[in-house]
Amino acid sequence: MAEPGGACYIHQAMTPFDPNSTEYRRRRFRPIPVRMLVPNMITLLAICAGLTAIRLSTEGRMELAVAAIVFAAILDGIDGRVARMIKGQSKFGAELDSLADFVNFGVAPGLILYFWQLHELNNGGWIAAMVFAISGGLRLARFNASIDDPNKPAFAANYFTGVPAPAGAITVLLPIYLAFLGVPMPPATLTAFYTLLIAFLMVSRLPVFSGKTVKMRVPPEMVLPVFVSVVFFVALLIGYPWHILSAGSVLYLISLPWGWKSYRDQERQLAAQTQAAGAPVAAAAAPYATPVTESDRDDRPTHLH
């Protein structure tokens, strides 16, 4: 039996596409505001930086290749904020950003490590680089799929699931930073295991503090100190890049257990609050849920038997 309106629905679904329709032409040739283009241009610059890093690594210019990855990470950190600031968010921009992250923080770092040292292991080194790149893609796909998850608790917005791709790219290059500082190169096998470790952290379920919900408002009396601090940090990064990147990578890896502990504490706190809120309801429902025994039935008046 056909449902009411079924024929109308089928007719609308089977309506042929008309490229000359006014609605289609209006949607296709509608001008795009500049505010929608600016974030995407920043993302495209990040992709250019990632691709350039791959080329520089094939030419043996590793310092410039690593610098290009760091530059891509900086651009990745500001494109989303710029989009929210000027109200230039779009689905196209979100998809482009995911593609950029896969290229810049999955493929490019893996290839840099391969051309730097992992090639000494032949197929083993290539497998390590490939696993890292694939892990970056899987991590990004999981992130996109879980954005609209209705089952996530409110506090979960403060955490990533697994190490984010940009942080994974910066930390996986730690052996190269140390080599630039004059530290003897580790064995290629150790570099491969370290690469696989970072790949595992990216696809793991480890809660990692995101910092996205941290309020960015600065009190008026703190504006100048913040400016000075930012300038000081940028000067340190320019003057001592490998020291800053090495220290930052080590501190980031050391801080991961604290993120996991904080997440577990909030999870237990939420469970306790939920249990406490449900206890009065259960207590109030208890008198009505008590089963009637045979002795109670015998005590009732005769006309109820």
Protein backbone atom coordinates (compact mmCIF):
# COMPACT_ATOMS: atom_id res chain seq x y z
CA MET A 1 0.00 0.00 0.00
CA ALA A 2 1.49 3.28 -1.07
CA GLU A 3 1.98 5.97 1.54
CA PRO A 4 0.18 9.29 1.11
CA GLY A 5 2.22 11.63 -0.98
CA GLY A 6 4.42 8.78 -2.22
CA ALA A 7 3.72 9.49 -5.87
CA CYS A 8 4.54 13.14 -5.37
CA TYR A 9 7.82 12.21 -3.66
CA ILE A 10 8.79 9.88 -6.50
CA HIS A 11 7.94 12.55 -9.04
CA GLN A 12 10.16 15.08 -7.28
CA ALA A 13 13.00 12.59 -6.92
CA MET A 14 12.84 11.64 -10.60
CA THR A 15 12.71 15.25 -11.84
CA PRO A 16 15.47 15.58 -14.47
CA PHE A 17 18.31 17.99 -13.84
CA ASP A 18 17.93 21.21 -15.77
CA PRO A 19 21.23 23.12 -16.12
CA ASN A 20 19.35 26.09 -17.54
CA SER A 21 17.06 26.50 -14.55
CA THR A 22 17.10 29.91 -12.90
CA GLU A 23 17.76 28.46 -9.44
CA TYR A 24 20.76 26.45 -10.61
CA ARG A 25 22.30 29.36 -12.51
CA ARG A 26 21.77 31.70 -9.54
CA ARG A 27 23.48 29.25 -7.18
CA ARG A 28 26.33 28.53 -9.59
CA PHE A 29 27.20 32.11 -10.50
CA ARG A 30 26.51 33.66 -7.10
CA PRO A 31 29.51 35.80 -6.05
CA ILE A 32 31.56 34.48 -3.13
CA PRO A 33 32.39 36.96 -0.35
CA VAL A 34 36.07 37.69 0.19
CA ARG A 35 35.76 36.67 3.84
CA MET A 36 35.03 33.11 2.64
CA LEU A 37 38.21 33.07 0.52
CA VAL A 38 40.75 34.35 3.04
CA PRO A 39 40.85 31.23 5.29
CA ASN A 40 41.05 28.96 2.25
CA MET A 41 43.96 30.98 0.87
CA ILE A 42 45.81 30.47 4.17
CA THR A 43 45.13 26.73 3.95
CA LEU A 44 46.43 26.64 0.37
CA LEU A 45 49.60 28.40 1.50
CA ALA A 46 50.01 25.67 4.11
CA ILE A 47 49.69 23.00 1.40
CA CYS A 48 52.34 24.82 -0.64
CA ALA A 49 54.63 24.77 2.39
CA GLY A 50 54.09 21.03 2.90
CA LEU A 51 54.75 20.18 -0.73
CA THR A 52 57.83 22.41 -0.74
CA ALA A 53 59.09 20.57 2.34
CA ILE A 54 58.91 17.29 0.40
CA ARG A 55 60.90 18.77 -2.48
CA LEU A 56 63.53 20.26 -0.15
CA SER A 57 63.97 16.90 1.60
CA THR A 58 64.60 15.14 -1.72
CA GLU A 59 67.31 17.72 -2.41
CA GLY A 60 68.93 17.12 0.97
CA ARG A 61 68.11 20.59 2.36
CA MET A 62 66.68 19.22 5.58
CA GLU A 63 66.81 22.41 7.64
CA LEU A 64 64.62 24.25 5.15
CA ALA A 65 62.33 21.22 4.83
CA VAL A 66 61.73 21.13 8.59
CA ALA A 67 61.24 24.91 8.63
CA ALA A 68 58.56 24.52 5.94
CA ILE A 69 56.71 21.98 8.11
CA VAL A 70 56.83 24.35 11.09
CA PHE A 71 55.54 27.16 8.87
CA ALA A 72 52.69 24.92 7.69
CA ALA A 73 51.82 24.15 11.33
CA ILE A 74 51.67 27.86 12.13
CA LEU A 75 49.36 28.47 9.17
CA ASP A 76 47.20 25.53 10.24
CA GLY A 77 46.86 27.08 13.67
CA ILE A 78 45.60 30.41 12.38
CA ASP A 79 43.37 29.52 9.41
CA GLY A 80 40.52 28.22 11.57
CA ARG A 81 40.76 31.13 13.98
CA VAL A 82 40.75 33.61 11.10
CA ALA A 83 37.68 31.87 9.65
CA ARG A 84 35.81 32.16 12.96
CA MET A 85 36.94 35.74 13.47
CA ILE A 86 35.67 36.99 10.10
CA LYS A 87 32.79 34.47 9.92
CA GLY A 88 34.26 32.72 6.91
CA GLN A 89 33.59 29.10 7.90
CA SER A 90 32.37 26.75 5.18
CA LYS A 91 32.10 23.03 4.54
CA PHE A 92 34.51 23.44 1.63
CA GLY A 93 37.05 25.04 3.96
CA ALA A 94 36.73 22.22 6.49
CA GLU A 95 37.35 19.57 3.83
CA LEU A 96 40.28 21.52 2.38
CA ASP A 97 41.80 21.86 5.84
CA SER A 98 41.63 18.08 6.37
CA LEU A 99 43.33 17.50 3.01
CA ALA A 100 46.04 20.00 3.92
CA ASP A 101 46.64 18.33 7.28
CA PHE A 102 47.06 14.93 5.63
CA VAL A 103 49.63 16.28 3.17
CA ASN A 104 51.50 18.56 5.58
CA PHE A 105 51.47 16.47 8.75
CA GLY A 106 51.13 12.93 7.45
CA VAL A 107 52.85 12.54 4.08
CA ALA A 108 55.50 15.26 4.31
CA PRO A 109 57.04 14.36 7.72
CA GLY A 110 57.12 10.67 6.80
CA LEU A 111 58.98 11.40 3.58
CA ILE A 112 61.37 13.81 5.32
CA LEU A 113 62.31 11.10 7.82
CA TYR A 114 62.68 8.57 5.02
CA PHE A 115 65.02 10.74 2.95
CA TRP A 116 66.92 11.78 6.10
CA GLN A 117 67.66 8.35 7.60
CA LEU A 118 64.93 5.71 7.25
CA HIS A 119 66.05 4.87 3.71
CA GLU A 120 68.98 3.04 5.33
CA LEU A 121 66.51 0.33 6.39
CA ASN A 122 65.28 -0.12 2.81
CA ASN A 123 61.76 -1.60 2.93
CA GLY A 124 61.59 -1.40 6.72
CA GLY A 125 62.20 2.34 6.70
CA TRP A 126 59.66 2.85 3.94
CA ILE A 127 57.07 0.88 5.92
CA ALA A 128 57.66 3.08 8.98
CA ALA A 129 57.25 6.26 6.92
CA MET A 130 54.16 4.87 5.21
CA VAL A 131 52.56 3.78 8.50
CA PHE A 132 53.05 7.28 9.88
CA ALA A 133 51.41 8.88 6.84
CA ILE A 134 48.47 6.45 6.94
CA SER A 135 48.05 7.01 10.68
CA GLY A 136 47.78 10.72 10.03
CA GLY A 137 45.04 10.11 7.47
CA LEU A 138 43.15 7.75 9.78
CA ARG A 139 43.39 10.19 12.66
CA LEU A 140 41.95 13.00 10.54
CA ALA A 141 39.14 10.77 9.23
CA ARG A 142 38.21 9.78 12.79
CA PHE A 143 38.22 13.42 13.86
CA ASN A 144 35.87 14.42 11.03
CA ALA A 145 33.54 11.50 11.77
CA SER A 146 33.30 12.28 15.50
CA ILE A 147 32.61 16.01 15.24
CA ASP A 148 28.83 15.57 15.53
CA ASP A 149 28.90 12.65 17.97
CA PRO A 150 25.90 13.20 20.32
CA ASN A 151 27.24 10.74 22.91
CA LYS A 152 30.32 12.78 23.82
CA PRO A 153 30.16 14.42 27.27
CA ALA A 154 30.43 18.19 27.44
CA PHE A 155 33.92 18.15 28.97
CA ALA A 156 35.22 16.05 26.05
CA ALA A 157 35.33 19.25 23.97
CA ASN A 158 38.50 20.12 25.89
CA TYR A 159 40.33 17.06 24.58
CA PHE A 160 41.48 15.48 21.34
CA THR A 161 41.24 11.75 20.83
CA GLY A 162 44.83 10.84 20.13
CA VAL A 163 47.70 13.20 19.38
CA PRO A 164 46.56 15.71 16.73
CA ALA A 165 48.23 15.56 13.34
CA PRO A 166 50.16 18.88 13.59
CA ALA A 167 51.57 17.94 17.01
CA GLY A 168 52.43 14.48 15.70
CA ALA A 169 54.32 16.01 12.78
CA ILE A 170 56.31 18.36 15.01
CA THR A 171 57.20 15.69 17.58
CA VAL A 172 58.08 12.95 15.08
CA LEU A 173 60.86 15.17 13.70
CA LEU A 174 62.58 15.30 17.12
CA PRO A 175 65.54 13.11 15.98
CA ILE A 176 66.26 15.62 13.23
CA TYR A 177 66.18 18.57 15.67
CA LEU A 178 68.68 16.79 17.91
CA ALA A 179 70.94 16.03 14.95
CA PHE A 180 70.94 19.73 14.03
CA LEU A 181 72.09 20.47 17.60
CA GLY A 182 75.11 18.22 17.15
CA VAL A 183 73.73 15.17 18.94
CA PRO A 184 74.96 11.98 17.24
CA MET A 185 72.38 10.48 14.92
CA PRO A 186 70.52 7.58 16.52
CA PRO A 187 70.45 4.18 14.79
CA ALA A 188 67.97 4.04 11.94
CA THR A 189 66.12 1.25 13.73
CA LEU A 190 65.55 3.49 16.76
CA THR A 191 64.27 6.29 14.52
CA ALA A 192 61.87 3.84 12.87
CA PHE A 193 60.52 2.67 16.25
CA TYR A 194 60.11 6.28 17.37
CA THR A 195 58.20 7.05 14.16
CA LEU A 196 55.89 4.10 14.77
CA LEU A 197 55.39 5.22 18.39
CA ILE A 198 54.19 8.67 17.32
CA ALA A 199 51.98 7.04 14.67
CA PHE A 200 50.42 4.87 17.40
CA LEU A 201 49.80 7.91 19.61
CA MET A 202 48.00 9.61 16.72
CA VAL A 203 45.53 6.76 16.16
CA SER A 204 45.17 5.84 19.83
CA ARG A 205 42.21 6.71 22.06
CA LEU A 206 44.46 8.69 24.40
CA PRO A 207 42.74 11.90 25.61
CA VAL A 208 44.98 14.86 24.77
CA PHE A 209 44.27 18.36 26.05
CA SER A 210 43.24 20.54 23.10
CA GLY A 211 43.21 24.06 24.54
CA LYS A 212 40.43 25.04 22.14
CA THR A 213 38.06 26.10 24.92
CA VAL A 214 40.63 28.25 26.71
CA LYS A 215 39.36 31.82 26.79
CA MET A 216 41.54 34.08 24.66
CA ARG A 217 40.43 37.36 26.26
CA VAL A 218 43.32 39.36 27.66
CA PRO A 219 42.79 41.89 30.48
CA PRO A 220 43.76 45.44 29.46
CA GLU A 221 46.62 45.58 31.96
CA MET A 222 48.10 42.38 30.44
CA VAL A 223 48.07 43.42 26.78
CA LEU A 224 51.62 44.81 26.71
CA PRO A 225 53.12 41.89 28.70
CA VAL A 226 51.45 39.46 26.30
CA PHE A 227 52.87 41.33 23.31
CA VAL A 228 56.34 41.27 24.84
CA SER A 229 56.03 37.54 25.61
CA VAL A 230 54.97 36.73 22.06
CA VAL A 231 57.80 38.78 20.57
CA PHE A 232 60.26 37.13 22.97
CA PHE A 233 59.07 33.65 22.00
CA VAL A 234 59.25 34.41 18.27
CA ALA A 235 62.76 35.80 18.74
CA LEU A 236 63.81 32.63 20.56
CA LEU A 237 62.26 30.46 17.84
CA ILE A 238 64.14 32.38 15.15
CA GLY A 239 67.43 32.52 17.04
CA TYR A 240 67.39 29.03 18.56
CA PRO A 241 64.86 27.04 16.48
CA TRP A 242 66.21 23.56 17.15
CA HIS A 243 66.54 24.15 20.90
CA ILE A 244 62.94 25.41 21.13
CA LEU A 245 61.52 22.64 18.94
CA SER A 246 63.45 19.95 20.81
CA ALA A 247 62.40 21.21 24.23
CA GLY A 248 58.81 21.72 23.09
CA SER A 249 58.57 18.21 21.64
CA VAL A 250 59.97 16.58 24.79
CA LEU A 251 57.72 18.61 27.10
CA TYR A 252 54.69 17.81 24.96
CA LEU A 253 55.35 14.07 25.13
CA ILE A 254 55.93 14.26 28.88
CA SER A 255 52.63 16.13 29.38
CA LEU A 256 50.49 13.47 27.67
CA PRO A 257 49.87 11.42 30.87
CA TRP A 258 48.49 14.54 32.59
CA GLY A 259 45.88 14.94 29.87
CA TRP A 260 44.83 11.32 30.31
CA LYS A 261 44.63 11.72 34.12
CA SER A 262 42.59 14.93 33.84
CA TYR A 263 40.15 13.26 31.44
CA ARG A 264 39.71 10.25 33.73
CA ASP A 265 39.14 12.48 36.76
CA GLN A 266 36.39 14.41 34.96
CA GLU A 267 34.90 11.17 33.69
CA ARG A 268 34.70 9.74 37.21
CA GLN A 269 33.28 13.02 38.52
CA LEU A 270 30.55 12.97 35.87
CA ALA A 271 29.74 9.34 36.66
CA ALA A 272 29.44 10.16 40.37
CA GLN A 273 27.15 13.12 39.65
CA THR A 274 24.97 11.00 37.39
CA GLN A 275 24.74 8.26 40.00
CA ALA A 276 23.89 10.76 42.75
CA ALA A 277 21.20 12.36 40.61
CA GLY A 278 19.64 8.98 39.86
CA ALA A 279 19.61 7.78 43.50
CA PRO A 280 16.57 9.84 44.70
CA VAL A 281 14.56 8.68 41.71
CA ALA A 282 15.33 5.06 42.49
CA ALA A 283 14.49 5.57 46.18
CA ALA A 284 11.16 7.18 45.34
CA ALA A 285 10.27 4.37 42.97
CA ALA A 286 11.20 1.61 45.43
CA PRO A 287 7.83 1.36 47.31
CA TYR A 288 6.00 0.83 44.04
CA ALA A 289 8.51 -1.67 42.78
CA THR A 290 8.35 -3.95 45.87
CA PRO A 291 6.86 -7.31 44.80
CA VAL A 292 3.73 -8.55 46.56
CA THR A 293 4.41 -11.74 48.55
CA GLU A 294 1.99 -14.56 49.17
CA SER A 295 1.62 -13.59 52.83
CA ASP A 296 0.63 -10.05 51.87
CA ARG A 297 -1.98 -11.43 49.49
CA ASP A 298 -3.50 -13.53 52.32
CA ASP A 299 -3.87 -10.45 54.55
CA ARG A 300 -6.12 -8.68 52.02
CA PRO A 301 -9.93 -8.68 52.48
CA THR A 302 -11.79 -11.73 51.19
CA HIS A 303 -13.52 -9.91 48.33
CA LEU A 304 -10.12 -9.15 46.77
CA HIS A 305 -9.12 -12.87 46.58
